[in-house]
Protein backbone atom coordinates (compact mmCIF):
# COMPACT_ATOMS: atom_id res chain seq x y z
CA MET A 1 -20.29 10.24 6.23
CA ALA A 2 -17.43 8.24 3.98
CA ASP A 3 -14.00 8.88 4.19
CA LEU A 4 -10.12 7.45 3.29
CA SER A 5 -9.52 7.14 6.64
CA ASP A 6 -12.33 4.09 6.62
CA PHE A 7 -9.55 2.49 4.98
CA VAL A 8 -6.46 3.74 5.22
CA VAL A 9 -5.44 3.10 9.48
CA SER A 10 -2.37 5.91 9.43
CA LYS A 11 -3.99 9.44 9.75
CA VAL A 12 -0.66 10.29 8.76
CA ARG A 13 -1.03 8.06 5.21
CA VAL A 14 -4.10 9.59 4.64
CA LYS A 15 -2.86 12.57 4.44
CA LEU A 16 0.29 12.25 2.51
CA LEU A 17 -1.95 10.60 0.07
CA GLU A 18 -4.52 13.22 0.09
CA VAL A 19 -1.29 15.73 -0.47
CA PHE A 20 0.25 13.23 -3.64
CA LEU A 21 -3.42 12.51 -5.70
CA VAL A 22 -4.60 15.97 -5.41
CA GLU A 23 -1.31 17.47 -7.03
CA PRO A 24 -0.79 14.60 -9.41
CA GLU A 25 2.05 16.00 -11.13
CA THR A 26 3.94 17.80 -7.80
CA MET A 27 7.10 16.68 -6.68
CA PHE A 28 7.42 17.57 -3.10
CA TYR A 29 10.40 16.91 -0.39
CA ILE A 30 10.08 15.54 3.52
CA ARG A 31 9.82 18.98 5.00
CA GLU A 32 7.42 20.53 2.67
CA LEU A 33 4.92 17.53 3.11
CA THR A 34 5.98 17.86 6.93
CA ARG A 35 4.35 21.12 7.00
CA LYS A 36 1.86 20.45 4.33
CA ILE A 37 0.05 18.21 6.95
CA GLY A 38 1.48 19.55 10.38
CA GLU A 39 2.84 16.17 11.52
CA GLU A 40 5.97 15.07 12.72
CA ILE A 41 9.17 15.13 10.55
CA ASN A 42 10.25 11.32 11.28
CA ALA A 43 6.08 9.75 11.45
CA VAL A 44 6.20 11.44 7.80
CA ARG A 45 9.61 9.60 7.27
CA ARG A 46 8.16 6.82 8.73
CA GLU A 47 4.94 6.85 6.19
CA LEU A 48 7.11 7.71 2.79
CA ILE A 49 9.62 4.51 3.69
CA HIS A 50 6.58 2.02 4.03
CA MET A 51 4.81 3.46 0.30
CA GLN A 52 7.80 3.91 -1.15
CA SER A 53 8.45 -0.35 -0.67
CA VAL A 54 5.52 -1.33 -1.64
CA GLY A 55 5.08 0.75 -5.18
CA MET A 56 3.24 3.97 -4.26
CA VAL A 57 5.56 6.22 -3.87
CA LYS A 58 9.03 7.30 -5.91
CA ASP A 59 11.93 9.34 -4.96
CA GLU A 60 14.13 11.37 -7.41
CA HIS A 61 17.15 12.97 -5.38
CA ARG A 62 18.07 16.85 -6.52
CA GLY A 63 20.96 17.75 -5.19
CA ASN A 64 20.85 17.19 -1.35
CA ARG A 65 16.91 16.70 -1.44
CA ILE A 66 14.99 13.87 -2.26
CA TYR A 67 12.37 14.56 -3.60
CA TYR A 68 8.73 12.45 -3.76
CA THR A 69 5.70 11.34 -6.13
CA PHE A 70 2.92 9.48 -6.63
CA ASN A 71 4.04 6.34 -8.67
CA LYS A 72 0.92 6.45 -11.37
CA ASN A 73 2.11 2.91 -12.16
CA TYR A 74 0.77 1.42 -8.67
CA LEU A 75 -1.60 -1.15 -8.85
CA PHE A 76 -4.51 0.75 -6.86
CA HIS A 77 -3.93 4.54 -8.61
CA LYS A 78 -7.37 4.46 -10.21
CA GLU A 79 -9.07 3.28 -6.97
CA LEU A 80 -7.43 5.92 -4.46
CA MET A 81 -7.61 8.65 -7.37
CA SER A 82 -11.16 7.81 -7.31
CA MET A 83 -11.55 8.16 -4.01
CA ILE A 84 -9.48 10.91 -3.47
CA GLY A 85 -11.99 12.69 -5.70
CA LYS A 86 -14.91 11.67 -3.85
CA THR A 87 -13.13 12.65 -0.55
CA THR A 88 -11.61 15.86 -1.20
CA GLY A 89 -12.47 19.36 -3.26
CA LEU A 90 -15.63 19.00 -5.31
CA GLY A 91 -16.89 15.51 -5.11
CA LEU A 92 -16.79 16.56 -1.35
CA ALA A 93 -18.60 19.41 -1.43
CA ILE A 94 -21.22 17.61 -4.15
CA THR A 95 -21.69 14.91 -1.53
CA LYS A 96 -21.84 17.26 0.76
CA SER A 97 -24.85 19.73 -1.02
CA ALA A 98 -26.69 16.63 -2.28
CA PRO A 99 -29.63 17.36 -0.11
CA LYS A 100 -29.37 21.31 -0.87
CA LEU A 101 -29.30 20.59 -4.71
CA GLY A 102 -32.65 18.93 -5.19
CA LYS A 103 -32.74 15.43 -6.80
CA LEU A 104 -29.50 14.81 -7.65
CA LYS A 105 -29.58 11.13 -9.35
CA PHE A 106 -25.98 11.41 -11.19
CA ALA A 107 -23.22 13.80 -9.99
CA MET A 108 -19.62 12.08 -12.79
CA VAL A 109 -16.98 14.35 -12.54
CA SER A 110 -14.44 13.63 -15.55
CA GLY A 111 -11.05 11.59 -14.16
CA ARG A 112 -9.42 14.69 -17.08
CA PHE A 113 -10.47 17.35 -13.81
CA VAL A 114 -9.45 15.29 -10.92
CA ARG A 115 -6.15 14.27 -12.25
CA HIS A 116 -6.05 18.53 -13.41
CA MET A 117 -5.16 17.32 -16.62
CA PRO A 118 -5.84 19.99 -19.54
CA ARG A 119 -10.08 19.62 -20.23
CA ALA A 120 -10.67 17.42 -23.59
CA LYS A 121 -12.56 19.02 -26.46
CA ASP A 122 -16.11 19.12 -26.60
CA THR A 123 -16.19 17.22 -23.07
CA VAL A 124 -17.25 18.96 -18.94
CA ASP A 125 -16.16 18.54 -16.15
CA LEU A 126 -18.68 18.23 -14.49
CA LEU A 127 -21.74 16.24 -15.20
CA LEU A 128 -24.90 16.56 -12.67
CA VAL A 129 -28.52 14.68 -13.62
CA GLY A 130 -31.60 15.90 -11.94
CA ASP A 131 -34.41 18.48 -10.68
CA LEU A 132 -31.95 20.65 -9.51
CA ILE A 133 -31.92 23.90 -8.37
CA MET A 134 -29.76 26.07 -10.18
CA PRO A 135 -29.41 29.13 -7.30
CA GLN A 136 -28.03 26.43 -5.11
CA LEU A 137 -25.68 24.73 -7.59
CA THR A 138 -24.40 28.09 -8.99
CA GLU A 139 -23.46 29.14 -5.32
CA LEU A 140 -21.48 26.02 -5.21
CA ILE A 141 -19.63 25.79 -8.02
CA LYS A 142 -18.47 29.43 -7.87
CA GLU A 143 -17.52 28.64 -4.25
CA GLN A 144 -15.46 25.41 -6.08
CA GLU A 145 -13.78 27.43 -8.54
CA ALA A 146 -13.14 30.30 -6.12
CA LYS A 147 -10.64 27.44 -3.57
CA LEU A 148 -9.45 25.08 -6.65
CA SER A 149 -8.38 28.75 -8.99
CA ARG A 150 -9.61 27.11 -12.25
CA GLU A 151 -13.19 27.27 -13.92
CA ILE A 152 -15.04 24.14 -13.45
CA ASN A 153 -17.21 23.67 -17.01
CA TYR A 154 -20.58 21.91 -16.18
CA THR A 155 -23.59 20.24 -17.31
CA VAL A 156 -26.63 19.86 -15.63
CA MET A 157 -29.52 18.10 -17.30
CA THR A 158 -32.60 15.99 -16.44
CA GLU A 159 -33.12 12.27 -16.61
CA ALA A 160 -35.27 12.53 -19.24
CA GLU A 161 -33.37 14.68 -21.22
CA LEU A 162 -29.89 12.18 -20.36
CA LEU A 163 -32.48 9.34 -22.23
CA TYR A 164 -33.41 10.55 -24.74
CA ARG A 165 -29.53 12.19 -25.59
CA LYS A 166 -28.59 8.53 -25.01
CA THR A 167 -31.36 6.76 -27.34
CA HIS A 168 -30.84 9.40 -30.14
CA SER A 169 -26.84 8.52 -29.76
CA ASP A 170 -25.96 12.56 -29.00
CA PRO A 171 -22.20 12.95 -29.62
CA PHE A 172 -21.92 15.20 -26.58
CA ILE A 173 -23.40 12.34 -24.41
CA ASN A 174 -21.65 9.74 -25.71
CA ARG A 175 -17.85 11.36 -25.87
CA ILE A 176 -18.10 12.19 -22.03
CA LEU A 177 -19.80 8.56 -21.36
CA GLU A 178 -16.46 7.39 -23.25
CA ALA A 179 -13.97 8.95 -21.12
CA SER A 180 -12.81 7.97 -17.76
CA ARG A 181 -15.21 9.57 -14.62
CA ILE A 182 -15.62 9.46 -11.42
CA MET A 183 -19.00 8.87 -9.62
CA ILE A 184 -19.85 10.78 -6.76
CA VAL A 185 -24.05 10.30 -7.00
CA GLY A 186 -24.99 7.31 -8.67
CA ASP A 187 -24.77 3.82 -9.97
CA GLU A 188 -21.90 4.05 -12.93
CA GLU A 189 -23.89 1.01 -14.90
CA GLU A 190 -26.99 2.69 -14.91
CA LEU A 191 -25.70 6.40 -15.86
CA VAL A 192 -23.61 4.87 -18.99
CA GLN A 193 -26.70 1.85 -19.90
């Protein structure tokens, strides 16, 4: 199975990226990061210095502590968010469970959900297209809601229903397809065409 460590050599950096991008609005100080990822403080400090030098993270001095947060203006922010969305949390759960869920053609998580932003009106956090086994999907969603401590608003439809809605300019589907997304299963171009 693909993992972020396939692209990033440093295991400490992989863990730091996961912490920063899973909680994008949170600021962390060094000892807090050390506890969260279970690595040596010098290794964390070294990675933070490197990440800061390339513009990945920003620091802010507050009292006698330095807090770090991921730089949303970093050139590869969107790509890293996509990788994190696929390799952690809901994305990872769907990838692992895909064979048990039935014939899954497309699985898409909204960009707002991955970034922990409020859900936009009349949209969903998760769109699943295919012939799915609903009891397994419901169980998976309930497990993820408990882990994430938040509700997951999802929609399931067949390929035929998706095609019908797209060809009839259904406003609900148009809003979903116009918003930012992270594809977990399937080809994004095929989904939106």
